[in-house]
Amino acid sequence: MIPMRKAAIIGDGNTFEPFRALGLDVFSVSSSKEACEALDRVLEGTYAVLFVSETAAGMLGTALDPVRSGSFPIVNIIPGPADDLEAGTARLKRIVEKAIGVDILFKGEES
């Protein structure tokens, strides 16, 4: 039997707690140590997708690099309420352009 893959969020504070209602496992962190411990727990599990807030990604530093270059879990950095939305939007634009070769989301908009 193939194990069921799950999704998780590592985020700062309680901002992402409502995502539990959608079936995601939420790891609330407030320090680099907690962020690294949460990442270790995710890597021990059967997660297909990992969302990480920009602030938590900063807490993780280079510890996230080998995970991002692997197959699973797929890592997505997302902005939190205290994060710079322009940085998240620019990252999303680059990902889409890389994936499909053209900017379909922000045509004609500066970023």
C-alpha atoms as a PDB file:
ATOM      1  CA  MET A   1       0.000   0.000   0.000  1.00  0.00           C
ATOM      2  CA  ILE A   2       1.330   3.425  -0.983  1.00  0.00           C
ATOM      3  CA  PRO A   3       1.511   5.814   1.989  1.00  0.00           C
ATOM      4  CA  MET A   4      -0.720   8.864   1.743  1.00  0.00           C
ATOM      5  CA  ARG A   5       1.265  12.025   1.169  1.00  0.00           C
ATOM      6  CA  LYS A   6       0.455  15.084   3.259  1.00  0.00           C
ATOM      7  CA  ALA A   7       1.129  18.814   3.179  1.00  0.00           C
ATOM      8  CA  ALA A   8       2.708  20.895   5.932  1.00  0.00           C
ATOM      9  CA  ILE A   9       3.355  24.528   6.754  1.00  0.00           C
ATOM     10  CA  ILE A  10       6.256  25.881   8.770  1.00  0.00           C
ATOM     11  CA  GLY A  11       5.361  29.407   9.747  1.00  0.00           C
ATOM     12  CA  ASP A  12       6.081  32.059  12.288  1.00  0.00           C
ATOM     13  CA  GLY A  13       3.560  32.561  15.085  1.00  0.00           C
ATOM     14  CA  ASN A  14      -0.017  31.369  14.860  1.00  0.00           C
ATOM     15  CA  THR A  15      -0.731  32.974  11.480  1.00  0.00           C
ATOM     16  CA  PHE A  16      -1.101  29.691   9.648  1.00  0.00           C
ATOM     17  CA  GLU A  17      -3.137  27.789  12.281  1.00  0.00           C
ATOM     18  CA  PRO A  18      -6.379  28.098  10.232  1.00  0.00           C
ATOM     19  CA  PHE A  19      -4.781  25.842   7.591  1.00  0.00           C
ATOM     20  CA  ARG A  20      -5.245  22.905   9.979  1.00  0.00           C
ATOM     21  CA  ALA A  21      -8.933  22.999   9.001  1.00  0.00           C
ATOM     22  CA  LEU A  22      -7.838  22.251   5.432  1.00  0.00           C
ATOM     23  CA  GLY A  23      -5.924  19.164   6.541  1.00  0.00           C
ATOM     24  CA  LEU A  24      -2.415  20.614   6.557  1.00  0.00           C
ATOM     25  CA  ASP A  25      -0.017  19.943   9.421  1.00  0.00           C
ATOM     26  CA  VAL A  26       1.041  23.296  10.853  1.00  0.00           C
ATOM     27  CA  PHE A  27       4.359  23.844  12.624  1.00  0.00           C
ATOM     28  CA  SER A  28       4.370  27.233  14.372  1.00  0.00           C
ATOM     29  CA  VAL A  29       7.903  28.440  15.066  1.00  0.00           C
ATOM     30  CA  SER A  30       9.436  31.495  16.688  1.00  0.00           C
ATOM     31  CA  SER A  31      13.169  30.754  16.528  1.00  0.00           C
ATOM     32  CA  SER A  32      15.777  29.182  14.285  1.00  0.00           C
ATOM     33  CA  LYS A  33      16.008  26.187  16.614  1.00  0.00           C
ATOM     34  CA  GLU A  34      12.246  25.575  16.459  1.00  0.00           C
ATOM     35  CA  ALA A  35      12.276  26.014  12.673  1.00  0.00           C
ATOM     36  CA  CYS A  36      15.061  23.436  12.265  1.00  0.00           C
ATOM     37  CA  GLU A  37      13.259  21.001  14.575  1.00  0.00           C
ATOM     38  CA  ALA A  38      10.050  21.456  12.556  1.00  0.00           C
ATOM     39  CA  LEU A  39      11.942  20.853   9.311  1.00  0.00           C
ATOM     40  CA  ASP A  40      13.416  17.652  10.756  1.00  0.00           C
ATOM     41  CA  ARG A  41       9.918  16.447  11.696  1.00  0.00           C
ATOM     42  CA  VAL A  42       8.641  17.198   8.198  1.00  0.00           C
ATOM     43  CA  LEU A  43      11.530  15.299   6.622  1.00  0.00           C
ATOM     44  CA  GLU A  44      10.777  12.273   8.841  1.00  0.00           C
ATOM     45  CA  GLY A  45       7.161  12.216   7.621  1.00  0.00           C
ATOM     46  CA  THR A  46       5.452  11.461   4.330  1.00  0.00           C
ATOM     47  CA  TYR A  47       4.963  15.021   3.110  1.00  0.00           C
ATOM     48  CA  ALA A  48       4.568  15.803  -0.575  1.00  0.00           C
ATOM     49  CA  VAL A  49       4.362  19.577  -0.166  1.00  0.00           C
ATOM     50  CA  LEU A  50       5.935  21.925   2.356  1.00  0.00           C
ATOM     51  CA  PHE A  51       4.930  25.558   2.594  1.00  0.00           C
ATOM     52  CA  VAL A  52       7.372  27.773   4.486  1.00  0.00           C
ATOM     53  CA  SER A  53       6.697  31.401   5.395  1.00  0.00           C
ATOM     54  CA  GLU A  54       9.369  33.841   4.259  1.00  0.00           C
ATOM     55  CA  THR A  55      10.186  34.620   7.893  1.00  0.00           C
ATOM     56  CA  ALA A  56      10.536  30.918   8.767  1.00  0.00           C
ATOM     57  CA  ALA A  57      12.662  30.393   5.653  1.00  0.00           C
ATOM     58  CA  GLY A  58      14.956  33.113   6.971  1.00  0.00           C
ATOM     59  CA  MET A  59      15.136  31.270  10.293  1.00  0.00           C
ATOM     60  CA  LEU A  60      16.088  28.061   8.469  1.00  0.00           C
ATOM     61  CA  GLY A  61      18.781  29.708   6.372  1.00  0.00           C
ATOM     62  CA  THR A  62      20.815  27.212   4.353  1.00  0.00           C
ATOM     63  CA  ALA A  63      19.178  24.207   6.082  1.00  0.00           C
ATOM     64  CA  LEU A  64      16.377  24.500   3.527  1.00  0.00           C
ATOM     65  CA  ASP A  65      18.672  24.363   0.469  1.00  0.00           C
ATOM     66  CA  PRO A  66      19.114  20.564   0.205  1.00  0.00           C
ATOM     67  CA  VAL A  67      15.387  20.060   0.730  1.00  0.00           C
ATOM     68  CA  ARG A  68      14.521  22.494  -2.054  1.00  0.00           C
ATOM     69  CA  SER A  69      16.801  20.697  -4.496  1.00  0.00           C
ATOM     70  CA  GLY A  70      15.316  17.260  -3.733  1.00  0.00           C
ATOM     71  CA  SER A  71      12.200  15.596  -5.097  1.00  0.00           C
ATOM     72  CA  PHE A  72      10.056  15.493  -1.967  1.00  0.00           C
ATOM     73  CA  PRO A  73       8.722  17.428  -0.319  1.00  0.00           C
ATOM     74  CA  ILE A  74       8.133  20.157  -2.869  1.00  0.00           C
ATOM     75  CA  VAL A  75       8.997  23.386  -1.051  1.00  0.00           C
ATOM     76  CA  ASN A  76       7.034  26.591  -1.587  1.00  0.00           C
ATOM     77  CA  ILE A  77       8.011  29.815   0.151  1.00  0.00           C
ATOM     78  CA  ILE A  78       4.931  31.896   0.929  1.00  0.00           C
ATOM     79  CA  PRO A  79       4.577  35.388   2.359  1.00  0.00           C
ATOM     80  CA  GLY A  80       3.152  35.842   5.824  1.00  0.00           C
ATOM     81  CA  PRO A  81       1.441  38.974   7.110  1.00  0.00           C
ATOM     82  CA  ALA A  82       4.738  40.501   8.266  1.00  0.00           C
ATOM     83  CA  ASP A  83       6.614  39.598   5.084  1.00  0.00           C
ATOM     84  CA  ASP A  84       7.345  41.730   2.039  1.00  0.00           C
ATOM     85  CA  LEU A  85       4.644  40.838  -0.485  1.00  0.00           C
ATOM     86  CA  GLU A  86       6.701  42.199  -3.365  1.00  0.00           C
ATOM     87  CA  ALA A  87       9.444  39.646  -2.680  1.00  0.00           C
ATOM     88  CA  GLY A  88       6.902  36.799  -2.684  1.00  0.00           C
ATOM     89  CA  THR A  89       5.281  38.078  -5.869  1.00  0.00           C
ATOM     90  CA  ALA A  90       8.641  38.395  -7.620  1.00  0.00           C
ATOM     91  CA  ARG A  91       9.539  34.829  -6.580  1.00  0.00           C
ATOM     92  CA  LEU A  92       6.200  33.511  -7.868  1.00  0.00           C
ATOM     93  CA  LYS A  93       6.756  35.301 -11.175  1.00  0.00           C
ATOM     94  CA  ARG A  94      10.228  33.723 -11.569  1.00  0.00           C
ATOM     95  CA  ILE A  95       8.869  30.246 -10.763  1.00  0.00           C
ATOM     96  CA  VAL A  96       6.070  30.540 -13.330  1.00  0.00           C
ATOM     97  CA  GLU A  97       8.429  31.908 -15.986  1.00  0.00           C
ATOM     98  CA  LYS A  98      10.858  29.064 -15.331  1.00  0.00           C
ATOM     99  CA  ALA A  99       8.114  26.443 -15.451  1.00  0.00           C
ATOM    100  CA  ILE A 100       6.377  27.543 -18.642  1.00  0.00           C
ATOM    101  CA  GLY A 101       8.870  29.881 -20.252  1.00  0.00           C
ATOM    102  CA  VAL A 102       6.677  32.971 -20.337  1.00  0.00           C
ATOM    103  CA  ASP A 103       5.165  35.492 -17.918  1.00  0.00           C
ATOM    104  CA  ILE A 104       1.415  34.869 -17.990  1.00  0.00           C
ATOM    105  CA  LEU A 105       0.596  36.173 -14.510  1.00  0.00           C
ATOM    106  CA  PHE A 106       1.969  39.688 -14.525  1.00  0.00           C
ATOM    107  CA  LYS A 107       2.046  40.684 -18.192  1.00  0.00           C
ATOM    108  CA  GLY A 108       2.932  44.325 -18.511  1.00  0.00           C
ATOM    109  CA  GLU A 109       3.310  44.871 -14.764  1.00  0.00           C
ATOM    110  CA  GLU A 110       6.579  45.926 -13.233  1.00  0.00           C
ATOM    111  CA  SER A 111       7.902  43.758 -10.380  1.00  0.00           C
END
